[in-house]
Amino acid sequence: MLEKLRAKIGNKGKVFEDYGGYEIIVLDSEKFPWKDVFEMLIDSGFQIWINKKNSHIQIESKPEVN
């Protein structure tokens, strides 16, 4: 999944593994593939949080715990 996210996001953001989930830093919010990234994460069973980190939007995801 990490490589699929990196391929989809390209140079519009950075993706890091983070405690079983992912941290994504959005570098180009106008060209970022928002819908595709959110669908990939949700369809794979991840919960998503959106914050701001330094002047960039940060997307954090963790596996959903049932």
PDB file of N, CA and C in Angstrom:
ATOM      1  N   MET A   1       0.829  -1.195   0.000  1.00  0.00           N
ATOM      2  CA  MET A   1       0.000   0.000   0.000  1.00  0.00           C
ATOM      3  C   MET A   1       0.873   1.259   0.000  1.00  0.00           C
ATOM      4  N   LEU A   2       1.987   1.234   0.728  1.00  0.00           N
ATOM      5  CA  LEU A   2       2.870   2.393   0.798  1.00  0.00           C
ATOM      6  C   LEU A   2       3.323   2.820  -0.594  1.00  0.00           C
ATOM      7  N   GLU A   3       3.758   1.851  -1.398  1.00  0.00           N
ATOM      8  CA  GLU A   3       4.240   2.190  -2.743  1.00  0.00           C
ATOM      9  C   GLU A   3       3.111   2.659  -3.647  1.00  0.00           C
ATOM     10  N   LYS A   4       1.903   2.106  -3.465  1.00  0.00           N
ATOM     11  CA  LYS A   4       0.746   2.564  -4.250  1.00  0.00           C
ATOM     12  C   LYS A   4       0.408   4.011  -3.909  1.00  0.00           C
ATOM     13  N   LEU A   5       0.455   4.346  -2.618  1.00  0.00           N
ATOM     14  CA  LEU A   5       0.198   5.729  -2.214  1.00  0.00           C
ATOM     15  C   LEU A   5       1.266   6.660  -2.783  1.00  0.00           C
ATOM     16  N   ARG A   6       2.515   6.263  -2.659  1.00  0.00           N
ATOM     17  CA  ARG A   6       3.603   7.109  -3.187  1.00  0.00           C
ATOM     18  C   ARG A   6       3.473   7.306  -4.696  1.00  0.00           C
ATOM     19  N   ALA A   7       3.103   6.259  -5.421  1.00  0.00           N
ATOM     20  CA  ALA A   7       2.934   6.372  -6.868  1.00  0.00           C
ATOM     21  C   ALA A   7       1.771   7.297  -7.214  1.00  0.00           C
ATOM     22  N   LYS A   8       0.675   7.179  -6.480  1.00  0.00           N
ATOM     23  CA  LYS A   8      -0.506   8.004  -6.740  1.00  0.00           C
ATOM     24  C   LYS A   8      -0.233   9.477  -6.421  1.00  0.00           C
ATOM     25  N   ILE A   9       0.466   9.736  -5.328  1.00  0.00           N
ATOM     26  CA  ILE A   9       0.702  11.109  -4.863  1.00  0.00           C
ATOM     27  C   ILE A   9       1.844  11.775  -5.630  1.00  0.00           C
ATOM     28  N   GLY A  10       2.849  11.011  -6.000  1.00  0.00           N
ATOM     29  CA  GLY A  10       3.985  11.573  -6.738  1.00  0.00           C
ATOM     30  C   GLY A  10       4.662  12.689  -5.967  1.00  0.00           C
ATOM     31  N   ASN A  11       4.996  13.779  -6.659  1.00  0.00           N
ATOM     32  CA  ASN A  11       5.693  14.900  -6.018  1.00  0.00           C
ATOM     33  C   ASN A  11       4.740  15.911  -5.387  1.00  0.00           C
ATOM     34  N   LYS A  12       3.460  15.557  -5.305  1.00  0.00           N
ATOM     35  CA  LYS A  12       2.468  16.460  -4.705  1.00  0.00           C
ATOM     36  C   LYS A  12       2.385  16.292  -3.189  1.00  0.00           C
ATOM     37  N   GLY A  13       3.132  15.321  -2.659  1.00  0.00           N
ATOM     38  CA  GLY A  13       3.138  15.083  -1.223  1.00  0.00           C
ATOM     39  C   GLY A  13       4.221  14.089  -0.844  1.00  0.00           C
ATOM     40  N   LYS A  14       4.329  13.845   0.446  1.00  0.00           N
ATOM     41  CA  LYS A  14       5.276  12.862   0.977  1.00  0.00           C
ATOM     42  C   LYS A  14       4.497  11.873   1.829  1.00  0.00           C
ATOM     43  N   VAL A  15       4.870  10.604   1.746  1.00  0.00           N
ATOM     44  CA  VAL A  15       4.174   9.549   2.491  1.00  0.00           C
ATOM     45  C   VAL A  15       5.173   8.828   3.386  1.00  0.00           C
ATOM     46  N   PHE A  16       4.793   8.651   4.649  1.00  0.00           N
ATOM     47  CA  PHE A  16       5.630   7.942   5.618  1.00  0.00           C
ATOM     48  C   PHE A  16       4.784   6.892   6.324  1.00  0.00           C
ATOM     49  N   GLU A  17       5.390   5.735   6.633  1.00  0.00           N
ATOM     50  CA  GLU A  17       4.697   4.762   7.473  1.00  0.00           C
ATOM     51  C   GLU A  17       4.721   5.279   8.897  1.00  0.00           C
ATOM     52  N   ASP A  18       3.622   5.061   9.635  1.00  0.00           N
ATOM     53  CA  ASP A  18       3.507   5.604  10.982  1.00  0.00           C
ATOM     54  C   ASP A  18       2.644   4.690  11.843  1.00  0.00           C
ATOM     55  N   TYR A  19       3.275   3.868  12.685  1.00  0.00           N
ATOM     56  CA  TYR A  19       2.563   2.998  13.640  1.00  0.00           C
ATOM     57  C   TYR A  19       1.438   2.194  12.991  1.00  0.00           C
ATOM     58  N   GLY A  20       1.724   1.520  11.907  1.00  0.00           N
ATOM     59  CA  GLY A  20       0.724   0.688  11.240  1.00  0.00           C
ATOM     60  C   GLY A  20      -0.156   1.437  10.275  1.00  0.00           C
ATOM     61  N   GLY A  21       0.014   2.735  10.198  1.00  0.00           N
ATOM     62  CA  GLY A  21      -0.753   3.561   9.272  1.00  0.00           C
ATOM     63  C   GLY A  21       0.192   4.415   8.443  1.00  0.00           C
ATOM     64  N   TYR A  22      -0.304   5.557   8.018  1.00  0.00           N
ATOM     65  CA  TYR A  22       0.483   6.429   7.153  1.00  0.00           C
ATOM     66  C   TYR A  22       0.326   7.883   7.568  1.00  0.00           C
ATOM     67  N   GLU A  23       1.403   8.626   7.385  1.00  0.00           N
ATOM     68  CA  GLU A  23       1.366  10.082   7.522  1.00  0.00           C
ATOM     69  C   GLU A  23       1.657  10.629   6.137  1.00  0.00           C
ATOM     70  N   ILE A  24       0.785  11.493   5.662  1.00  0.00           N
ATOM     71  CA  ILE A  24       0.941  12.087   4.337  1.00  0.00           C
ATOM     72  C   ILE A  24       1.011  13.596   4.509  1.00  0.00           C
ATOM     73  N   ILE A  25       2.056  14.192   3.980  1.00  0.00           N
ATOM     74  CA  ILE A  25       2.209  15.643   3.998  1.00  0.00           C
ATOM     75  C   ILE A  25       1.885  16.138   2.591  1.00  0.00           C
ATOM     76  N   VAL A  26       0.897  17.010   2.481  1.00  0.00           N
ATOM     77  CA  VAL A  26       0.470  17.542   1.189  1.00  0.00           C
ATOM     78  C   VAL A  26       1.357  18.732   0.838  1.00  0.00           C
ATOM     79  N   LEU A  27       2.076  18.623  -0.281  1.00  0.00           N
ATOM     80  CA  LEU A  27       2.964  19.700  -0.717  1.00  0.00           C
ATOM     81  C   LEU A  27       2.303  20.615  -1.749  1.00  0.00           C
ATOM     82  N   ASP A  28       1.401  20.079  -2.558  1.00  0.00           N
ATOM     83  CA  ASP A  28       0.700  20.867  -3.574  1.00  0.00           C
ATOM     84  C   ASP A  28      -0.793  20.573  -3.456  1.00  0.00           C
ATOM     85  N   SER A  29      -1.485  21.366  -2.657  1.00  0.00           N
ATOM     86  CA  SER A  29      -2.895  21.071  -2.359  1.00  0.00           C
ATOM     87  C   SER A  29      -3.810  21.229  -3.568  1.00  0.00           C
ATOM     88  N   GLU A  30      -3.419  22.011  -4.557  1.00  0.00           N
ATOM     89  CA  GLU A  30      -4.265  22.192  -5.745  1.00  0.00           C
ATOM     90  C   GLU A  30      -4.209  20.985  -6.674  1.00  0.00           C
ATOM     91  N   LYS A  31      -3.081  20.311  -6.748  1.00  0.00           N
ATOM     92  CA  LYS A  31      -2.923  19.175  -7.650  1.00  0.00           C
ATOM     93  C   LYS A  31      -2.964  17.828  -6.927  1.00  0.00           C
ATOM     94  N   PHE A  32      -3.058  17.834  -5.614  1.00  0.00           N
ATOM     95  CA  PHE A  32      -3.065  16.609  -4.823  1.00  0.00           C
ATOM     96  C   PHE A  32      -4.302  15.771  -5.168  1.00  0.00           C
ATOM     97  N   PRO A  33      -4.146  14.448  -5.353  1.00  0.00           N
ATOM     98  CA  PRO A  33      -5.275  13.574  -5.706  1.00  0.00           C
ATOM     99  C   PRO A  33      -6.125  13.198  -4.482  1.00  0.00           C
ATOM    100  N   TRP A  34      -6.801  14.178  -3.915  1.00  0.00           N
ATOM    101  CA  TRP A  34      -7.552  14.009  -2.662  1.00  0.00           C
ATOM    102  C   TRP A  34      -8.479  12.797  -2.699  1.00  0.00           C
ATOM    103  N   LYS A  35      -9.380  12.775  -3.677  1.00  0.00           N
ATOM    104  CA  LYS A  35     -10.392  11.724  -3.743  1.00  0.00           C
ATOM    105  C   LYS A  35      -9.745  10.343  -3.831  1.00  0.00           C
ATOM    106  N   ASP A  36      -8.769  10.191  -4.698  1.00  0.00           N
ATOM    107  CA  ASP A  36      -8.118   8.887  -4.868  1.00  0.00           C
ATOM    108  C   ASP A  36      -7.432   8.425  -3.587  1.00  0.00           C
ATOM    109  N   VAL A  37      -6.740   9.340  -2.921  1.00  0.00           N
ATOM    110  CA  VAL A  37      -6.025   8.986  -1.690  1.00  0.00           C
ATOM    111  C   VAL A  37      -7.012   8.612  -0.588  1.00  0.00           C
ATOM    112  N   PHE A  38      -8.061   9.425  -0.405  1.00  0.00           N
ATOM    113  CA  PHE A  38      -9.052   9.112   0.629  1.00  0.00           C
ATOM    114  C   PHE A  38      -9.733   7.782   0.335  1.00  0.00           C
ATOM    115  N   GLU A  39     -10.092   7.529  -0.917  1.00  0.00           N
ATOM    116  CA  GLU A  39     -10.727   6.256  -1.258  1.00  0.00           C
ATOM    117  C   GLU A  39      -9.790   5.079  -1.016  1.00  0.00           C
ATOM    118  N   MET A  40      -8.512   5.212  -1.371  1.00  0.00           N
ATOM    119  CA  MET A  40      -7.546   4.135  -1.125  1.00  0.00           C
ATOM    120  C   MET A  40      -7.472   3.808   0.361  1.00  0.00           C
ATOM    121  N   LEU A  41      -7.386   4.832   1.191  1.00  0.00           N
ATOM    122  CA  LEU A  41      -7.269   4.620   2.634  1.00  0.00           C
ATOM    123  C   LEU A  41      -8.549   4.034   3.232  1.00  0.00           C
ATOM    124  N   ILE A  42      -9.680   4.616   2.893  1.00  0.00           N
ATOM    125  CA  ILE A  42     -10.958   4.150   3.439  1.00  0.00           C
ATOM    126  C   ILE A  42     -11.259   2.720   2.977  1.00  0.00           C
ATOM    127  N   ASP A  43     -11.051   2.448   1.686  1.00  0.00           N
ATOM    128  CA  ASP A  43     -11.319   1.104   1.153  1.00  0.00           C
ATOM    129  C   ASP A  43     -10.396   0.052   1.756  1.00  0.00           C
ATOM    130  N   SER A  44      -9.259   0.471   2.284  1.00  0.00           N
ATOM    131  CA  SER A  44      -8.319  -0.458   2.931  1.00  0.00           C
ATOM    132  C   SER A  44      -8.543  -0.551   4.439  1.00  0.00           C
ATOM    133  N   GLY A  45      -9.611   0.090   4.944  1.00  0.00           N
ATOM    134  CA  GLY A  45      -9.981  -0.034   6.350  1.00  0.00           C
ATOM    135  C   GLY A  45      -9.269   0.923   7.288  1.00  0.00           C
ATOM    136  N   PHE A  46      -8.831   2.073   6.784  1.00  0.00           N
ATOM    137  CA  PHE A  46      -8.139   3.048   7.623  1.00  0.00           C
ATOM    138  C   PHE A  46      -9.079   4.170   8.053  1.00  0.00           C
ATOM    139  N   GLN A  47      -8.862   4.666   9.250  1.00  0.00           N
ATOM    140  CA  GLN A  47      -9.495   5.905   9.698  1.00  0.00           C
ATOM    141  C   GLN A  47      -8.566   7.043   9.315  1.00  0.00           C
ATOM    142  N   ILE A  48      -9.126   8.235   9.112  1.00  0.00           N
ATOM    143  CA  ILE A  48      -8.336   9.362   8.617  1.00  0.00           C
ATOM    144  C   ILE A  48      -8.533  10.580   9.508  1.00  0.00           C
ATOM    145  N   TRP A  49      -7.417  11.279   9.786  1.00  0.00           N
ATOM    146  CA  TRP A  49      -7.442  12.559  10.504  1.00  0.00           C
ATOM    147  C   TRP A  49      -6.703  13.581   9.656  1.00  0.00           C
ATOM    148  N   ILE A  50      -7.193  14.789   9.647  1.00  0.00           N
ATOM    149  CA  ILE A  50      -6.565  15.860   8.867  1.00  0.00           C
ATOM    150  C   ILE A  50      -6.175  16.985   9.813  1.00  0.00           C
ATOM    151  N   ASN A  51      -4.914  17.400   9.729  1.00  0.00           N
ATOM    152  CA  ASN A  51      -4.373  18.462  10.577  1.00  0.00           C
ATOM    153  C   ASN A  51      -3.519  19.393   9.726  1.00  0.00           C
ATOM    154  N   LYS A  52      -2.942  20.355  10.364  1.00  0.00           N
ATOM    155  CA  LYS A  52      -1.966  21.214   9.703  1.00  0.00           C
ATOM    156  C   LYS A  52      -0.655  21.080  10.448  1.00  0.00           C
ATOM    157  N   LYS A  53       0.415  20.839   9.702  1.00  0.00           N
ATOM    158  CA  LYS A  53       1.738  20.653  10.299  1.00  0.00           C
ATOM    159  C   LYS A  53       2.711  21.569   9.558  1.00  0.00           C
ATOM    160  N   ASN A  54       3.242  22.500  10.305  1.00  0.00           N
ATOM    161  CA  ASN A  54       4.119  23.545   9.728  1.00  0.00           C
ATOM    162  C   ASN A  54       3.303  24.265   8.650  1.00  0.00           C
ATOM    163  N   SER A  55       3.330  24.521   7.591  1.00  0.00           N
ATOM    164  CA  SER A  55       2.343  25.201   6.762  1.00  0.00           C
ATOM    165  C   SER A  55       1.664  24.246   5.793  1.00  0.00           C
ATOM    166  N   HIS A  56       1.788  22.944   6.039  1.00  0.00           N
ATOM    167  CA  HIS A  56       1.230  21.955   5.114  1.00  0.00           C
ATOM    168  C   HIS A  56       0.090  21.174   5.769  1.00  0.00           C
ATOM    169  N   ILE A  57      -0.848  20.762   4.944  1.00  0.00           N
ATOM    170  CA  ILE A  57      -1.905  19.873   5.420  1.00  0.00           C
ATOM    171  C   ILE A  57      -1.299  18.490   5.630  1.00  0.00           C
ATOM    172  N   GLN A  58      -1.671  17.872   6.743  1.00  0.00           N
ATOM    173  CA  GLN A  58      -1.172  16.552   7.111  1.00  0.00           C
ATOM    174  C   GLN A  58      -2.368  15.607   7.200  1.00  0.00           C
ATOM    175  N   ILE A  59      -2.262  14.464   6.545  1.00  0.00           N
ATOM    176  CA  ILE A  59      -3.279  13.415   6.619  1.00  0.00           C
ATOM    177  C   ILE A  59      -2.658  12.268   7.400  1.00  0.00           C
ATOM    178  N   GLU A  60      -3.313  11.882   8.475  1.00  0.00           N
ATOM    179  CA  GLU A  60      -2.841  10.728   9.253  1.00  0.00           C
ATOM    180  C   GLU A  60      -3.886   9.622   9.127  1.00  0.00           C
ATOM    181  N   SER A  61      -3.419   8.408   9.017  1.00  0.00           N
ATOM    182  CA  SER A  61      -4.349   7.281   8.934  1.00  0.00           C
ATOM    183  C   SER A  61      -3.866   6.140   9.815  1.00  0.00           C
ATOM    184  N   LYS A  62      -4.800   5.464  10.391  1.00  0.00           N
ATOM    185  CA  LYS A  62      -4.521   4.291  11.239  1.00  0.00           C
ATOM    186  C   LYS A  62      -5.552   3.224  10.883  1.00  0.00           C
ATOM    187  N   PRO A  63      -5.179   1.947  10.991  1.00  0.00           N
ATOM    188  CA  PRO A  63      -6.154   0.894  10.741  1.00  0.00           C
ATOM    189  C   PRO A  63      -7.336   1.024  11.704  1.00  0.00           C
ATOM    190  N   GLU A  64      -8.523   0.842  11.177  1.00  0.00           N
ATOM    191  CA  GLU A  64      -9.726   0.909  12.006  1.00  0.00           C
ATOM    192  C   GLU A  64      -9.761  -0.286  12.942  1.00  0.00           C
ATOM    193  N   VAL A  65     -10.021  -0.026  14.215  1.00  0.00           N
ATOM    194  CA  VAL A  65     -10.084  -1.090  15.225  1.00  0.00           C
ATOM    195  C   VAL A  65     -11.546  -1.365  15.526  1.00  0.00           C
ATOM    196  N   ASN A  66     -11.935  -2.613  15.357  1.00  0.00           N
ATOM    197  CA  ASN A  66     -13.349  -2.973  15.620  1.00  0.00           C
ATOM    198  C   ASN A  66     -13.497  -3.585  16.974  1.00  0.00           C
TER     199      ASN A  66
END
